[in-house]
Amino acid sequence: MARYKSRTQSGLTRRDFLKHSAAATAAAFGMPYIVPSSVFGANAPSNRVVMGCIGLGGMGTNDMRAFLEQDDVQIVAVCDPEKGSREYGHWYRNGWKGNYLGRVPAQKIVEHHYSEEKPSKTFKGCSAHVDFREVLARDDIDAVTIVTPDHWHAVMSIMAAKAGKDIYCEKPMTLTIPEGRAVVEAVRRHGVVFQTGSHERSRQKTRFACELVRNGRIGKLKRIFTPVGPNNRVGPASDWKPMPIPEGFDYDMWLGPAKWEPYHKSRCLYMFRFILDYSGGQTTNLGAHSIDMAQWGNGTDDTGPVEVEDLGGEFPRDGLFTTPTKIHFRARYADGVELICKTDVKGWVGVRFEGTEGWVQTGRRFETYPKSLQQSVIRPNEIRLYKSNNHHRNFIDCIKTRKDPVARVEVGHRSASICHLGNIAMMLKRKLQWDPVKERFVNDEQANRMLDRPRRSPWTI
């Protein structure tokens, strides 16, 4: 299969090479130069984006299925250290927790999907891997999805950018703020397309709510509330014991850049998000969505707050889980706008913008005050935000145009940064001053030491 961006040594794209070759052959044999649309149409093999999918848990399988639905995408490789397990415990498209997830189930999904297009009803063109480096080394792959635990995002993204692969990376973009900056620099240095999985930006109601705020429909913006759902798992108590590593699971590869720890099933797969070595808890999981919408409506995609303060966050006192059990912090921007992030027992992801003349909220429900704002029309000469109605489709379109997608790399970095700042403030239990240009705390070396994490060799950034 031809790679979408592949070129011959003469500089011609592979599609152009085939087209010229067809013309030459037709002339040599006295045949009319007619190329069937089925060969050189919009979804011909030479026009398809060839993808590999890294990380096939609940969200990874969900994203993979979404790309399978794109007629001009061909998935040729899947990768996960887990052969197949029920322990992912996460909803995914066309299924619920309890289904097997991992590289072998994903491979079967892909091959079944493409077999439906074959007269023989069989297809064996998708490879399955444990080591993601095998996927990045393939010259025929244009783009990859990275849907792994957060502690892997930066290393994989940087290596993918160096390999010239376009990247769809789930949120939060990275585990730490310095990692995020390193990913931004790698993406821009190597000229690859990067879409963060902040899919709320590809919803019409989110875009409309943010346009209302950006165009002054609620007056001067004063406060932003970003609710975050509570933890949905309880971890083992402090007397937990190591467990045997299951057959078919490469635990060392799963740990990757994280420090070595004895295996326990509640450490891995879906449960990783409740351990600080691998994630920031619901602050970075659900908060990455809510805070990303806040950033968009506030017009601060390329900057961040100047102050962050704990308002009563709580962490476990013992046991395997270490991420916040209660989230509550405030961030303040240079213009005085406040962002308040707090655990909401209703478990919804969303944002509420409050101004001097009204408010608007969106997420799982859309409401405004006054109610008439819902019929407001954004005029052509006003601020119009990036329009995307399908997050995965937007990524594929941008691969072809080489334009930035709706959740470009800087967006993912800045939104994740606020989540990390909130966690650090809640851990230190004090107000911290932040420099969004230098991306350092002001006169607080203890806080600055918490910005990054050590990484196991050879997984460096």
Protein backbone atom coordinates (compact mmCIF):
# COMPACT_ATOMS: atom_id res chain seq x y z
CA MET A 1 0.00 0.00 0.00
CA ALA A 2 1.34 3.42 -0.93
CA ARG A 3 2.03 5.85 1.83
CA TYR A 4 0.06 9.10 1.55
CA LYS A 5 3.09 11.39 1.71
CA SER A 6 5.57 9.01 0.06
CA ARG A 7 7.74 10.34 -2.75
CA THR A 8 10.00 8.76 -5.35
CA GLN A 9 13.66 9.80 -5.49
CA SER A 10 12.79 12.25 -8.26
CA GLY A 11 10.50 14.11 -5.87
CA LEU A 12 7.23 12.96 -7.45
CA THR A 13 4.54 11.73 -5.16
CA ARG A 14 3.82 8.05 -5.55
CA ARG A 15 0.39 8.90 -6.95
CA ASP A 16 1.93 11.13 -9.62
CA PHE A 17 4.49 8.45 -10.44
CA LEU A 18 1.78 5.85 -10.95
CA LYS A 19 -0.27 8.27 -13.03
CA HIS A 20 2.65 9.11 -15.33
CA SER A 21 3.56 5.43 -15.59
CA ALA A 22 0.01 4.60 -16.61
CA ALA A 23 0.11 7.26 -19.31
CA ALA A 24 3.43 5.98 -20.64
CA THR A 25 2.17 2.40 -20.74
CA ALA A 26 -0.99 3.46 -22.58
CA ALA A 27 1.05 5.35 -25.18
CA ALA A 28 3.46 2.44 -25.70
CA PHE A 29 0.65 0.02 -26.47
CA GLY A 30 -1.50 2.47 -28.39
CA MET A 31 -4.20 2.50 -25.72
CA PRO A 32 -6.27 5.56 -24.79
CA TYR A 33 -5.09 7.20 -21.56
CA ILE A 34 -8.05 6.50 -19.31
CA VAL A 35 -7.44 5.87 -15.62
CA PRO A 36 -10.44 4.48 -13.73
CA SER A 37 -11.72 6.63 -10.89
CA SER A 38 -11.60 3.52 -8.72
CA VAL A 39 -7.81 3.62 -9.03
CA PHE A 40 -7.14 7.33 -8.70
CA GLY A 41 -10.27 8.51 -6.89
CA ALA A 42 -10.46 10.27 -3.56
CA ASN A 43 -10.12 7.00 -1.65
CA ALA A 44 -7.61 5.25 -3.89
CA PRO A 45 -4.75 3.51 -2.04
CA SER A 46 -2.38 6.32 -3.06
CA ASN A 47 -4.65 8.84 -1.33
CA ARG A 48 -5.16 6.94 1.90
CA VAL A 49 -3.59 7.88 5.20
CA VAL A 50 -1.86 4.78 6.52
CA MET A 51 -2.05 4.50 10.30
CA GLY A 52 -0.70 2.53 13.22
CA CYS A 53 -2.52 2.50 16.57
CA ILE A 54 -0.45 2.48 19.77
CA GLY A 55 -2.40 1.71 22.94
CA LEU A 56 -5.54 -0.40 22.61
CA GLY A 57 -7.40 -0.08 25.87
CA GLY A 58 -10.87 1.42 26.07
CA MET A 59 -10.12 4.83 24.62
CA GLY A 60 -7.49 3.48 22.24
CA THR A 61 -9.95 0.98 20.78
CA ASN A 62 -12.57 3.72 20.58
CA ASP A 63 -10.20 5.97 18.62
CA MET A 64 -9.13 3.09 16.40
CA ARG A 65 -12.76 2.34 15.50
CA ALA A 66 -13.34 6.03 14.72
CA PHE A 67 -10.46 6.01 12.23
CA LEU A 68 -11.68 2.73 10.74
CA GLU A 69 -14.84 4.61 9.80
CA GLN A 70 -12.84 7.02 7.62
CA ASP A 71 -12.84 5.67 4.05
CA ASP A 72 -9.48 7.27 3.25
CA VAL A 73 -7.67 5.71 6.22
CA GLN A 74 -6.00 2.30 6.28
CA ILE A 75 -4.90 0.87 9.64
CA VAL A 76 -2.02 -1.55 9.14
CA ALA A 77 -0.58 -2.01 12.64
CA VAL A 78 -1.71 -2.13 16.26
CA CYS A 79 0.48 -2.11 19.36
CA ASP A 80 -0.05 -2.77 23.06
CA PRO A 81 1.98 -4.56 25.76
CA GLU A 82 -1.23 -6.39 26.69
CA LYS A 83 -2.15 -9.30 24.44
CA GLY A 84 -5.78 -9.21 25.57
CA SER A 85 -7.47 -8.57 28.91
CA ARG A 86 -10.77 -7.75 30.54
CA GLU A 87 -8.98 -5.54 33.07
CA TYR A 88 -9.12 -2.37 30.97
CA GLY A 89 -12.64 -1.87 32.32
CA HIS A 90 -13.62 1.06 30.13
CA TRP A 91 -16.48 1.75 27.76
CA TYR A 92 -15.62 1.78 24.11
CA ARG A 93 -17.56 2.11 20.89
CA ASN A 94 -19.99 -0.78 20.31
CA GLY A 95 -19.20 -2.41 23.63
CA TRP A 96 -18.95 -2.15 27.39
CA LYS A 97 -16.43 -3.08 30.04
CA GLY A 98 -15.91 -6.78 30.33
CA ASN A 99 -14.87 -7.18 26.68
CA TYR A 100 -11.33 -8.21 25.89
CA LEU A 101 -9.10 -5.29 24.88
CA GLY A 102 -5.47 -5.21 23.81
CA ARG A 103 -3.41 -5.82 20.68
CA VAL A 104 -4.93 -9.15 19.58
CA PRO A 105 -8.59 -8.08 19.99
CA ALA A 106 -7.72 -4.84 18.17
CA GLN A 107 -6.05 -6.74 15.35
CA LYS A 108 -9.17 -8.88 14.96
CA ILE A 109 -11.41 -5.78 14.87
CA VAL A 110 -9.30 -4.24 12.10
CA GLU A 111 -9.11 -7.40 10.04
CA HIS A 112 -12.82 -8.08 10.42
CA HIS A 113 -13.61 -4.51 9.32
CA TYR A 114 -11.55 -4.75 6.14
CA SER A 115 -12.62 -8.32 5.40
CA GLU A 116 -16.17 -7.04 4.88
CA GLU A 117 -14.86 -5.16 1.83
CA LYS A 118 -13.28 -8.28 0.29
CA PRO A 119 -15.11 -10.82 -1.89
CA SER A 120 -13.39 -13.57 0.10
CA LYS A 121 -14.51 -11.96 3.38
CA THR A 122 -10.97 -12.43 4.72
CA PHE A 123 -8.22 -9.88 5.39
CA LYS A 124 -4.84 -10.39 7.07
CA GLY A 125 -3.10 -7.07 6.55
CA CYS A 126 -2.79 -5.73 10.11
CA SER A 127 0.27 -6.58 12.21
CA ALA A 128 0.25 -6.70 16.03
CA HIS A 129 3.19 -5.46 18.10
CA VAL A 130 4.38 -5.26 21.70
CA ASP A 131 7.09 -2.66 21.03
CA PHE A 132 5.86 0.65 19.55
CA ARG A 133 9.27 1.29 18.00
CA GLU A 134 8.48 -1.38 15.41
CA VAL A 135 5.46 0.67 14.34
CA LEU A 136 7.44 3.92 14.14
CA ALA A 137 10.13 2.23 12.05
CA ARG A 138 7.70 1.33 9.25
CA ASP A 139 8.14 3.56 6.20
CA ASP A 140 4.63 2.83 4.98
CA ILE A 141 2.94 4.40 8.04
CA ASP A 142 1.97 8.08 7.84
CA ALA A 143 0.38 8.62 11.23
CA VAL A 144 -0.06 7.04 14.65
CA THR A 145 -2.49 7.23 17.51
CA ILE A 146 -0.95 7.37 20.98
CA VAL A 147 -3.53 6.29 23.54
CA THR A 148 -1.37 4.98 26.35
CA PRO A 149 -1.01 5.84 30.04
CA ASP A 150 0.04 9.48 30.39
CA HIS A 151 3.64 8.71 31.40
CA TRP A 152 4.28 7.37 27.89
CA HIS A 153 2.80 10.26 25.89
CA ALA A 154 5.86 12.50 25.69
CA VAL A 155 8.45 9.83 24.88
CA MET A 156 6.27 8.27 22.17
CA SER A 157 5.21 11.62 20.69
CA ILE A 158 8.77 12.88 20.42
CA MET A 159 9.97 9.64 18.85
CA ALA A 160 7.02 9.66 16.44
CA ALA A 161 7.77 13.26 15.43
CA LYS A 162 11.42 12.38 14.79
CA ALA A 163 10.21 9.49 12.62
CA GLY A 164 8.08 11.91 10.60
CA LYS A 165 4.74 10.48 11.75
CA ASP A 166 1.70 12.67 12.23
CA ILE A 167 0.24 12.16 15.70
CA TYR A 168 -3.17 11.84 17.32
CA CYS A 169 -2.37 11.82 21.06
CA GLU A 170 -5.02 11.51 23.72
CA LYS A 171 -5.34 14.01 26.50
CA PRO A 172 -3.76 14.94 28.83
CA MET A 173 -0.99 15.57 26.36
CA THR A 174 1.82 14.78 28.81
CA LEU A 175 2.51 13.78 32.40
CA THR A 176 4.50 16.94 33.19
CA ILE A 177 4.87 20.53 31.98
CA PRO A 178 8.51 20.20 30.77
CA GLU A 179 7.44 17.12 28.80
CA GLY A 180 4.72 19.18 27.15
CA ARG A 181 7.18 21.86 26.08
CA ALA A 182 9.52 19.18 24.70
CA VAL A 183 6.67 17.72 22.62
CA VAL A 184 5.74 21.16 21.26
CA GLU A 185 9.34 21.74 20.18
CA ALA A 186 9.65 18.30 18.57
CA VAL A 187 6.39 18.66 16.63
CA ARG A 188 7.34 22.08 15.29
CA ARG A 189 10.95 21.09 14.54
CA HIS A 190 9.93 18.07 12.48
CA GLY A 191 6.86 19.62 10.84
CA VAL A 192 4.34 16.91 11.75
CA VAL A 193 0.61 17.35 12.36
CA PHE A 194 -0.43 16.88 15.99
CA GLN A 195 -3.99 16.59 17.28
CA THR A 196 -4.66 16.39 21.02
CA GLY A 197 -7.67 14.23 21.88
CA SER A 198 -9.58 17.17 23.41
CA HIS A 199 -12.65 16.29 21.36
CA GLU A 200 -14.95 18.84 23.04
CA ARG A 201 -13.48 21.38 20.60
CA SER A 202 -15.12 19.47 17.78
CA ARG A 203 -18.62 19.93 19.18
CA GLN A 204 -20.86 22.71 17.91
CA LYS A 205 -22.21 23.67 21.36
CA THR A 206 -18.70 24.05 22.76
CA ARG A 207 -17.65 26.27 19.88
CA PHE A 208 -20.84 28.37 20.16
CA ALA A 209 -20.49 28.81 23.93
CA CYS A 210 -16.89 29.96 23.56
CA GLU A 211 -17.84 32.33 20.73
CA LEU A 212 -20.51 33.88 22.96
CA VAL A 213 -17.88 34.53 25.61
CA ARG A 214 -15.20 35.74 23.21
CA ASN A 215 -17.64 38.20 21.61
CA GLY A 216 -18.77 39.75 24.88
CA ARG A 217 -22.30 38.35 25.01
CA ILE A 218 -21.99 37.79 28.78
CA GLY A 219 -20.19 41.08 29.36
CA LYS A 220 -16.72 41.06 30.84
CA LEU A 221 -15.62 37.57 31.80
CA LYS A 222 -14.97 37.26 35.54
CA ARG A 223 -14.98 33.58 36.57
CA ILE A 224 -14.77 30.15 34.95
CA PHE A 225 -15.94 26.98 36.70
CA THR A 226 -14.56 23.65 35.49
CA PRO A 227 -16.25 20.69 37.21
CA VAL A 228 -14.50 17.33 37.36
CA GLY A 229 -16.13 13.99 38.07
CA PRO A 230 -15.11 12.01 41.19
CA ASN A 231 -12.83 8.97 41.22
CA ASN A 232 -14.62 5.90 39.92
CA ARG A 233 -12.28 3.31 41.45
CA VAL A 234 -11.04 2.51 44.98
CA GLY A 235 -7.49 1.22 45.23
CA PRO A 236 -5.91 -1.46 47.43
CA ALA A 237 -5.10 -0.51 51.03
CA SER A 238 -1.55 -0.04 52.31
CA ASP A 239 -1.12 -3.77 52.96
CA TRP A 240 -1.38 -4.65 49.25
CA LYS A 241 0.88 -7.44 48.06
CA PRO A 242 2.65 -7.90 44.71
CA MET A 243 0.90 -10.20 42.24
CA PRO A 244 2.21 -12.48 39.48
CA ILE A 245 2.49 -10.77 36.10
CA PRO A 246 -0.23 -12.21 33.83
CA GLU A 247 0.77 -14.22 30.80
CA GLY A 248 0.68 -12.10 27.65
CA PHE A 249 1.40 -8.83 29.44
CA ASP A 250 4.82 -7.15 28.99
CA TYR A 251 4.92 -5.34 32.32
CA ASP A 252 8.38 -3.84 31.82
CA MET A 253 7.29 -2.29 28.52
CA TRP A 254 4.12 -1.00 30.19
CA LEU A 255 6.20 0.72 32.90
CA GLY A 256 8.56 2.17 30.30
CA PRO A 257 9.92 5.51 31.56
CA ALA A 258 8.30 5.14 35.01
CA LYS A 259 10.30 3.78 37.92
CA TRP A 260 10.17 0.03 38.49
CA GLU A 261 7.51 -1.11 40.97
CA PRO A 262 6.18 -4.59 41.77
CA TYR A 263 3.18 -5.63 39.70
CA HIS A 264 -0.38 -5.36 40.97
CA LYS A 265 -3.38 -5.47 38.66
CA SER A 266 -4.69 -2.21 40.18
CA ARG A 267 -1.53 -0.45 39.02
CA CYS A 268 -2.02 -1.07 35.31
CA LEU A 269 -4.41 -0.80 32.39
CA TYR A 270 -7.41 1.41 33.30
CA MET A 271 -6.33 1.84 36.93
CA PHE A 272 -3.10 3.66 36.07
CA ARG A 273 -4.88 7.02 36.18
CA PHE A 274 -5.12 6.93 39.99
CA ILE A 275 -1.34 6.70 40.58
CA LEU A 276 0.83 9.81 40.29
CA ASP A 277 3.72 7.91 38.68
CA TYR A 278 1.59 7.47 35.57
CA SER A 279 -1.17 10.11 35.66
CA GLY A 280 -2.61 13.14 37.43
CA GLY A 281 -5.90 11.49 38.41
CA GLN A 282 -9.23 13.00 37.45
CA THR A 283 -7.54 16.43 37.45
CA THR A 284 -5.80 15.51 34.22
CA ASN A 285 -8.30 12.94 32.98
CA LEU A 286 -11.65 14.75 33.11
CA GLY A 287 -10.12 18.11 34.00
CA ALA A 288 -8.21 18.14 30.73
CA HIS A 289 -11.56 18.42 28.92
CA SER A 290 -13.16 21.01 31.19
CA ILE A 291 -10.05 23.17 31.44
CA ASP A 292 -9.43 22.95 27.70
CA MET A 293 -12.88 24.41 27.06
CA ALA A 294 -12.11 27.14 29.60
CA GLN A 295 -8.90 28.01 27.79
CA TRP A 296 -10.71 28.24 24.45
CA GLY A 297 -13.45 30.51 25.76
CA ASN A 298 -10.94 32.66 27.62
CA GLY A 299 -8.75 33.14 24.55
CA THR A 300 -5.67 31.86 26.38
CA ASP A 301 -4.61 28.93 24.21
CA ASP A 302 -1.00 30.11 24.05
CA THR A 303 -0.55 31.18 27.65
CA GLY A 304 -1.76 30.33 31.14
CA PRO A 305 -2.53 31.70 34.59
CA VAL A 306 -0.10 33.68 36.72
CA GLU A 307 -1.23 32.23 40.04
CA VAL A 308 -2.61 28.93 41.32
CA GLU A 309 -3.95 28.20 44.81
CA ASP A 310 -5.19 25.17 46.71
CA LEU A 311 -8.77 25.51 47.99
CA GLY A 312 -9.03 22.20 49.82
CA GLY A 313 -7.80 19.38 47.59
CA GLU A 314 -7.45 16.00 49.27
CA PHE A 315 -5.17 13.02 48.63
CA PRO A 316 -5.14 9.43 49.95
CA ARG A 317 -3.22 8.94 53.19
CA ASP A 318 -2.12 5.42 52.31
CA GLY A 319 -2.68 2.61 49.84
CA LEU A 320 -1.66 2.10 46.22
CA PHE A 321 -3.62 5.04 44.77
CA THR A 322 -2.00 8.47 45.16
CA THR A 323 -3.93 10.94 42.96
CA PRO A 324 -6.45 13.42 44.45
CA THR A 325 -9.66 12.03 45.90
CA LYS A 326 -11.07 15.57 45.99
CA ILE A 327 -10.07 18.32 43.58
CA HIS A 328 -10.41 21.97 44.48
CA PHE A 329 -8.07 24.70 43.28
CA ARG A 330 -8.18 28.19 41.80
CA ALA A 331 -6.06 29.66 39.00
CA ARG A 332 -5.93 33.39 38.26
CA TYR A 333 -4.97 34.96 34.93
CA ALA A 334 -3.11 38.26 34.51
CA ASP A 335 -6.33 40.10 33.64
CA GLY A 336 -8.00 38.95 36.87
CA VAL A 337 -10.17 36.17 35.41
CA GLU A 338 -10.42 33.27 37.85
CA LEU A 339 -10.68 29.60 36.98
CA ILE A 340 -12.02 27.32 39.71
CA CYS A 341 -11.70 23.56 39.30
CA LYS A 342 -13.63 21.35 41.71
CA THR A 343 -14.83 17.78 42.04
CA ASP A 344 -18.50 17.52 41.10
CA VAL A 345 -20.31 14.42 42.40
CA LYS A 346 -22.61 14.53 39.36
CA GLY A 347 -19.59 13.46 37.37
CA TRP A 348 -20.06 15.76 34.40
CA VAL A 349 -17.42 17.30 32.16
CA GLY A 350 -18.12 20.89 31.24
CA VAL A 351 -17.43 24.56 31.79
CA ARG A 352 -19.39 27.56 33.06
CA PHE A 353 -18.35 31.09 32.09
CA GLU A 354 -19.65 33.90 34.31
CA GLY A 355 -19.53 37.52 33.18
CA THR A 356 -20.83 40.89 34.29
CA GLU A 357 -24.00 40.52 32.17
CA GLY A 358 -24.78 36.81 32.17
CA TRP A 359 -23.37 33.32 31.96
CA VAL A 360 -23.10 30.36 29.62
CA GLN A 361 -22.26 26.75 30.37
CA THR A 362 -21.64 23.81 28.11
CA GLY A 363 -20.48 20.22 28.23
CA ARG A 364 -23.06 17.57 28.98
CA ARG A 365 -25.68 20.29 29.16
CA PHE A 366 -25.94 23.68 27.46
CA GLU A 367 -27.58 26.61 29.30
CA THR A 368 -27.35 30.39 29.26
CA TYR A 369 -28.51 33.39 31.21
CA PRO A 370 -30.28 35.23 29.85
CA LYS A 371 -31.88 32.37 27.94
CA SER A 372 -32.10 34.55 24.83
CA LEU A 373 -28.33 34.08 24.37
CA GLN A 374 -29.10 30.68 22.92
CA GLN A 375 -30.58 32.41 19.85
CA SER A 376 -27.68 34.82 19.52
CA VAL A 377 -26.06 34.97 16.08
CA ILE A 378 -22.31 35.31 15.68
CA ARG A 379 -21.86 37.78 12.85
CA PRO A 380 -19.25 37.39 10.07
CA ASN A 381 -17.19 40.31 11.38
CA GLU A 382 -17.02 38.90 14.92
CA ILE A 383 -14.66 36.33 16.39
CA ARG A 384 -15.32 32.97 14.75
CA LEU A 385 -13.53 29.99 16.25
CA TYR A 386 -12.02 27.03 14.44
CA LYS A 387 -14.83 24.88 13.05
CA SER A 388 -14.52 21.13 13.40
CA ASN A 389 -17.48 18.79 13.72
CA ASN A 390 -15.53 15.54 13.92
CA HIS A 391 -12.26 15.39 15.86
CA HIS A 392 -10.86 12.35 14.07
CA ARG A 393 -11.89 13.61 10.63
CA ASN A 394 -10.29 16.98 11.38
CA PHE A 395 -6.98 15.21 12.03
CA ILE A 396 -7.11 13.32 8.73
CA ASP A 397 -8.03 16.45 6.78
CA CYS A 398 -5.09 18.30 8.34
CA ILE A 399 -2.70 15.50 7.43
CA LYS A 400 -3.67 16.15 3.82
CA THR A 401 -3.59 19.95 3.95
CA ARG A 402 -0.66 20.17 6.44
CA LYS A 403 -2.63 22.72 8.45
CA ASP A 404 -2.98 22.77 12.23
CA PRO A 405 -5.96 20.85 13.65
CA VAL A 406 -8.42 22.30 16.15
CA ALA A 407 -6.50 20.97 19.18
CA ARG A 408 -2.97 21.69 17.99
CA VAL A 409 0.05 20.77 20.08
CA GLU A 410 0.32 24.14 21.88
CA VAL A 411 -3.35 23.87 22.88
CA GLY A 412 -2.84 20.43 24.38
CA HIS A 413 0.24 21.58 26.26
CA ARG A 414 -1.29 24.70 27.80
CA SER A 415 -4.52 22.96 28.87
CA ALA A 416 -2.63 20.07 30.48
CA SER A 417 -0.29 22.55 32.20
CA ILE A 418 -3.13 24.04 34.26
CA CYS A 419 -4.10 20.55 35.42
CA HIS A 420 -0.52 19.90 36.55
CA LEU A 421 -0.31 23.30 38.25
CA GLY A 422 -3.49 22.53 40.16
CA ASN A 423 -2.16 19.19 41.39
CA ILE A 424 1.09 20.77 42.56
CA ALA A 425 -0.75 23.56 44.41
CA MET A 426 -3.03 21.01 46.11
CA MET A 427 -0.03 18.91 47.17
CA LEU A 428 1.84 21.91 48.60
CA LYS A 429 -1.30 23.45 50.17
CA ARG A 430 -0.37 27.01 49.30
CA LYS A 431 -0.66 29.79 46.75
CA LEU A 432 1.95 29.68 43.98
CA GLN A 433 3.03 32.36 41.51
CA TRP A 434 3.51 31.11 37.94
CA ASP A 435 5.36 32.60 34.97
CA PRO A 436 3.52 31.33 31.84
CA VAL A 437 6.32 32.52 29.54
CA LYS A 438 9.23 30.84 31.33
CA GLU A 439 6.93 28.04 32.56
CA ARG A 440 8.45 28.16 36.03
CA PHE A 441 7.18 29.01 39.48
CA VAL A 442 8.36 32.38 40.75
CA ASN A 443 10.82 32.17 43.65
CA ASP A 444 9.72 28.68 44.74
CA GLU A 445 12.32 26.00 44.10
CA GLN A 446 10.38 23.36 46.00
CA ALA A 447 7.49 23.78 43.59
CA ASN A 448 9.82 23.90 40.58
CA ARG A 449 11.35 20.55 41.57
CA MET A 450 7.87 19.06 41.28
CA LEU A 451 7.42 20.14 37.66
CA ASP A 452 9.09 17.11 36.14
CA ARG A 453 9.75 13.42 36.94
CA PRO A 454 12.81 11.21 36.50
CA ARG A 455 12.59 8.71 33.65
CA ARG A 456 14.06 5.22 33.40
CA SER A 457 16.72 4.65 30.78
CA PRO A 458 16.56 4.50 27.80
CA TRP A 459 13.29 6.44 27.73
CA THR A 460 14.46 10.05 27.69
CA ILE A 461 13.04 13.20 26.13
